Amino acid sequence: MEWRIAIVDDLKMDRERLQKDVVKWYAQQEIDATISVYDSGAAMLREFSKDRFQIAFLDIRMDDMTGIQLAEQLRKEDTNLLICFLTTSREYAFDAFPIHPFDYLIKPYKEEQLNHVLAEAQRVLSGSEPEIAAKSGKVEVQVTYSQIVSVISQGHAVLFRLTDGSSVRGLRTFGETEQTLTADERFLLCNRGILVNMDHVASLNGEVFLMDDASSFPLRTKNRSELIRQFSQYQITRMRRGRR
């Protein structure tokens, strides 16, 4: 299946950057996607019809019509469209709340923030759990992301610790594994060579993640406050979406 994404932004530099980053993410996931780019809400509406797009990135502040006004018209035709607003200030997010947007990106966004939005949208749209290849003994297996508690670099090997208490070895380098998994909002690089699935963090005890399998991992000293912020923001987002 090919996914269809719309980008609407009246600033050429912003829409071109977003288009490039969206194309890059889908290419890394080896997913077919068509990206349609518009410089105004009116331009998009001329081509829009129900089920034309699965995801729409709409800049809130545009000259011809705001992203909120555009979203109101899109919603009349397609209630299933996932709308992500682009804004320069969090205050505009409150104005967009009645639209029931899927998410927000604050300009200038970080690439990993966009990747998290796309990964979450992919999960919602596909209705399936993403998987990553690993080896149990000599047998290749597919491990779902939700099974992974943590990922640990061990020399040239990568170890996945799973919810059933077992461990399997990854088929890629830690760097490649990190790039794949951190595109999903659940995974956080908490220290060198250690990824945690934040769905399986039982608590944050000062400077240490306590996992629900009784393992524990210290947060790196550098940018520790940013790691804590990311973890806290993820918990808020998780509650907002009603995920368990």
Protein backbone atom coordinates (compact mmCIF):
# COMPACT_ATOMS: atom_id res chain seq x y z
CA MET A 1 0.00 0.00 0.00
CA GLU A 2 1.20 3.49 -0.83
CA TRP A 3 0.66 6.21 1.77
CA ARG A 4 -0.33 9.70 0.64
CA ILE A 5 0.77 12.74 2.61
CA ALA A 6 -0.05 16.42 2.08
CA ILE A 7 2.12 19.34 3.19
CA VAL A 8 0.62 22.84 3.20
CA ASP A 9 2.89 25.78 4.05
CA ASP A 10 3.18 29.19 2.41
CA LEU A 11 6.90 29.43 3.29
CA LYS A 12 8.94 27.77 0.54
CA MET A 13 11.94 26.96 2.74
CA ASP A 14 9.77 25.34 5.42
CA ARG A 15 7.71 23.18 3.10
CA GLU A 16 10.78 22.02 1.16
CA ARG A 17 12.57 21.04 4.37
CA LEU A 18 9.52 19.14 5.64
CA GLN A 19 9.09 17.39 2.29
CA LYS A 20 12.75 16.29 2.32
CA ASP A 21 12.53 14.97 5.90
CA VAL A 22 9.25 13.12 5.27
CA VAL A 23 10.64 11.49 2.12
CA LYS A 24 13.78 10.49 4.05
CA TRP A 25 11.79 8.80 6.86
CA TYR A 26 9.62 6.74 4.51
CA ALA A 27 12.69 5.71 2.49
CA GLN A 28 14.44 4.53 5.67
CA GLN A 29 11.38 2.46 6.59
CA GLU A 30 11.17 1.10 3.01
CA ILE A 31 7.56 2.27 2.78
CA ASP A 32 6.03 3.61 -0.44
CA ALA A 33 4.70 7.14 -0.03
CA THR A 34 3.62 10.01 -2.27
CA ILE A 35 4.12 13.52 -0.88
CA SER A 36 1.96 16.34 -2.29
CA VAL A 37 3.13 19.87 -1.46
CA TYR A 38 0.96 23.02 -1.55
CA ASP A 39 1.76 26.68 -0.96
CA SER A 40 -1.75 27.58 0.21
CA GLY A 41 -4.91 26.10 1.64
CA ALA A 42 -6.82 27.01 -1.52
CA ALA A 43 -4.34 25.06 -3.65
CA MET A 44 -4.87 21.94 -1.55
CA LEU A 45 -8.66 22.27 -1.53
CA ARG A 46 -8.72 22.33 -5.35
CA GLU A 47 -7.32 18.79 -5.36
CA PHE A 48 -8.81 17.45 -2.15
CA SER A 49 -11.39 14.68 -1.87
CA LYS A 50 -12.33 12.15 0.78
CA ASP A 51 -9.59 9.55 1.35
CA ARG A 52 -7.17 11.41 -0.95
CA PHE A 53 -4.64 11.67 1.90
CA GLN A 54 -3.97 9.77 5.11
CA ILE A 55 -1.85 12.51 6.75
CA ALA A 56 -1.86 16.29 6.32
CA PHE A 57 0.76 18.65 7.73
CA LEU A 58 -0.80 22.11 7.93
CA ASP A 59 0.97 25.33 8.83
CA ILE A 60 -1.30 27.26 11.19
CA ARG A 61 -0.20 30.76 10.12
CA MET A 62 -0.76 31.28 6.38
CA ASP A 63 -1.88 34.35 4.47
CA ASP A 64 -4.80 33.09 2.37
CA MET A 65 -6.41 31.02 5.12
CA THR A 66 -5.07 29.69 8.38
CA GLY A 67 -4.28 26.04 8.87
CA ILE A 68 -7.16 25.87 11.33
CA GLN A 69 -9.62 27.23 8.76
CA LEU A 70 -8.29 24.76 6.21
CA ALA A 71 -8.59 21.88 8.69
CA GLU A 72 -12.22 22.78 9.39
CA GLN A 73 -13.01 22.37 5.69
CA LEU A 74 -11.01 19.16 5.38
CA ARG A 75 -12.82 17.67 8.38
CA LYS A 76 -16.20 18.19 6.67
CA GLU A 77 -15.08 15.84 3.90
CA ASP A 78 -12.82 13.40 5.73
CA THR A 79 -13.11 12.67 9.44
CA ASN A 80 -10.35 10.02 9.30
CA LEU A 81 -7.60 12.32 8.03
CA LEU A 82 -4.70 12.61 10.49
CA ILE A 83 -3.88 16.30 10.85
CA CYS A 84 -0.59 17.54 12.24
CA PHE A 85 -0.33 21.29 12.73
CA LEU A 86 2.89 23.23 12.22
CA THR A 87 3.23 26.29 14.39
CA THR A 88 5.87 28.69 15.68
CA SER A 89 4.25 29.00 19.10
CA ARG A 90 2.56 26.58 21.46
CA GLU A 91 -0.18 29.14 22.14
CA TYR A 92 -1.73 28.43 18.74
CA ALA A 93 -2.18 24.80 19.71
CA PHE A 94 -5.11 25.76 21.94
CA ASP A 95 -6.86 27.41 18.99
CA ALA A 96 -6.53 24.16 17.04
CA PHE A 97 -7.89 21.91 19.80
CA PRO A 98 -11.52 21.76 18.47
CA ILE A 99 -10.21 20.19 15.25
CA HIS A 100 -8.94 17.17 17.26
CA PRO A 101 -5.55 17.16 15.55
CA PHE A 102 -3.37 14.09 15.62
CA ASP A 103 -0.28 16.03 16.72
CA TYR A 104 1.70 19.28 16.55
CA LEU A 105 5.19 20.24 15.42
CA ILE A 106 6.71 23.43 16.79
CA LYS A 107 8.91 25.23 14.27
CA PRO A 108 11.80 24.85 13.96
CA TYR A 109 11.18 21.18 14.68
CA LYS A 110 13.88 18.60 15.32
CA GLU A 111 14.05 15.72 12.85
CA GLU A 112 13.53 13.15 15.60
CA GLN A 113 10.30 14.91 16.59
CA LEU A 114 8.97 14.58 13.05
CA ASN A 115 10.11 10.95 12.97
CA HIS A 116 8.10 10.25 16.12
CA VAL A 117 4.97 11.77 14.58
CA LEU A 118 5.38 9.71 11.40
CA ALA A 119 6.06 6.48 13.31
CA GLU A 120 2.98 6.97 15.48
CA ALA A 121 0.87 7.80 12.43
CA GLN A 122 2.15 4.69 10.67
CA ARG A 123 1.11 2.55 13.63
CA VAL A 124 -2.35 4.09 13.69
CA LEU A 125 -2.87 3.82 9.94
CA SER A 126 -1.49 0.32 9.43
CA GLY A 127 -3.16 -1.14 12.47
CA SER A 128 -0.16 -3.41 12.89
CA GLU A 129 2.78 -3.55 15.24
CA PRO A 130 6.20 -2.83 13.67
CA GLU A 131 8.84 -5.56 13.93
CA ILE A 132 12.61 -5.85 13.79
CA ALA A 133 14.66 -8.90 12.84
CA ALA A 134 16.75 -10.74 15.43
CA LYS A 135 18.28 -14.17 16.06
CA SER A 136 17.36 -16.65 18.75
CA GLY A 137 20.19 -19.16 18.64
CA LYS A 138 20.59 -19.86 14.93
CA VAL A 139 16.98 -19.10 14.08
CA GLU A 140 15.95 -15.71 12.68
CA VAL A 141 12.87 -14.28 14.39
CA GLN A 142 10.77 -11.13 14.11
CA VAL A 143 10.43 -9.18 17.35
CA THR A 144 7.62 -6.65 17.75
CA TYR A 145 8.57 -3.28 19.18
CA SER A 146 6.23 -3.75 22.13
CA GLN A 147 8.14 -6.92 23.14
CA ILE A 148 11.39 -4.99 23.52
CA VAL A 149 12.21 -3.75 27.03
CA SER A 150 15.72 -2.55 26.24
CA VAL A 151 18.47 -2.77 23.65
CA ILE A 152 22.08 -3.06 24.78
CA SER A 153 25.29 -2.82 22.81
CA GLN A 154 27.71 -5.63 23.68
CA GLY A 155 30.93 -5.22 21.75
CA HIS A 156 30.01 -5.77 18.12
CA ALA A 157 26.69 -7.41 19.08
CA VAL A 158 23.29 -5.99 19.95
CA LEU A 159 21.14 -7.62 22.64
CA PHE A 160 17.35 -7.23 22.80
CA ARG A 161 15.89 -7.89 26.26
CA LEU A 162 12.25 -8.96 25.88
CA THR A 163 9.13 -8.82 28.02
CA ASP A 164 9.09 -12.61 28.54
CA GLY A 165 12.51 -12.44 30.19
CA SER A 166 14.41 -13.84 27.22
CA SER A 167 17.09 -12.15 25.15
CA VAL A 168 17.78 -12.30 21.40
CA ARG A 169 20.57 -10.83 19.29
CA GLY A 170 19.97 -8.14 16.69
CA LEU A 171 21.11 -8.51 13.09
CA ARG A 172 22.29 -4.91 12.67
CA THR A 173 24.89 -2.73 14.35
CA PHE A 174 23.82 -0.74 17.39
CA GLY A 175 23.98 2.48 15.36
CA GLU A 176 21.67 1.07 12.67
CA THR A 177 19.33 -0.34 15.33
CA GLU A 178 19.24 3.00 17.13
CA GLN A 179 18.36 4.84 13.93
CA THR A 180 15.48 2.47 13.23
CA LEU A 181 14.01 2.26 16.72
CA THR A 182 14.31 5.92 17.72
CA ALA A 183 12.10 6.79 14.74
CA ASP A 184 9.43 5.32 17.03
CA GLU A 185 8.54 7.62 19.93
CA ARG A 186 8.72 4.80 22.48
CA PHE A 187 12.49 4.38 22.30
CA LEU A 188 15.00 6.64 24.03
CA LEU A 189 18.80 6.51 24.01
CA CYS A 190 19.32 6.91 27.76
CA ASN A 191 23.05 6.23 27.80
CA ARG A 192 25.82 5.18 25.47
CA GLY A 193 24.91 1.84 23.95
CA ILE A 194 21.55 1.62 25.78
CA LEU A 195 18.06 2.11 24.35
CA VAL A 196 14.97 1.79 26.54
CA ASN A 197 11.35 1.31 25.56
CA MET A 198 9.61 3.99 27.63
CA ASP A 199 6.44 1.89 27.74
CA HIS A 200 8.41 -0.47 29.99
CA VAL A 201 9.89 2.11 32.34
CA ALA A 202 8.34 1.39 35.73
CA SER A 203 9.70 4.57 37.30
CA LEU A 204 12.35 7.25 37.12
CA ASN A 205 14.30 7.10 40.36
CA GLY A 206 16.43 10.22 40.41
CA GLU A 207 18.94 9.54 37.65
CA VAL A 208 18.02 5.91 36.91
CA PHE A 209 15.30 4.27 34.79
CA LEU A 210 13.81 1.29 36.65
CA MET A 211 12.32 -1.09 34.10
CA ASP A 212 9.35 -3.39 34.60
CA ASP A 213 11.62 -6.45 34.19
CA ALA A 214 13.56 -5.28 37.30
CA SER A 215 16.56 -4.08 35.27
CA SER A 216 17.83 -0.52 35.70
CA PHE A 217 19.75 1.93 33.54
CA PRO A 218 21.40 5.22 34.55
CA LEU A 219 20.75 8.33 32.48
CA ARG A 220 23.83 9.80 30.86
CA THR A 221 25.23 12.92 32.52
CA LYS A 222 25.33 14.99 29.34
CA ASN A 223 21.89 16.43 28.50
CA ARG A 224 20.32 14.53 31.40
CA SER A 225 17.69 17.21 31.91
CA GLU A 226 16.70 16.86 28.23
CA LEU A 227 16.29 13.08 28.65
CA ILE A 228 14.05 13.65 31.67
CA ARG A 229 12.04 16.20 29.67
CA GLN A 230 11.61 13.76 26.78
CA PHE A 231 10.48 11.00 29.14
CA SER A 232 8.00 13.31 30.90
CA GLN A 233 6.64 14.60 27.58
CA TYR A 234 6.20 11.04 26.33
CA GLN A 235 4.17 10.12 29.41
CA ILE A 236 1.93 13.16 28.88
CA THR A 237 1.44 12.29 25.21
CA ARG A 238 0.75 8.67 26.10
CA MET A 239 -1.96 9.68 28.57
CA ARG A 240 -3.45 12.15 26.10
CA ARG A 241 -3.86 9.44 23.49
CA GLY A 242 -5.16 6.92 25.98
CA ARG A 243 -2.41 4.38 25.23
CA ARG A 244 -1.81 1.58 27.71
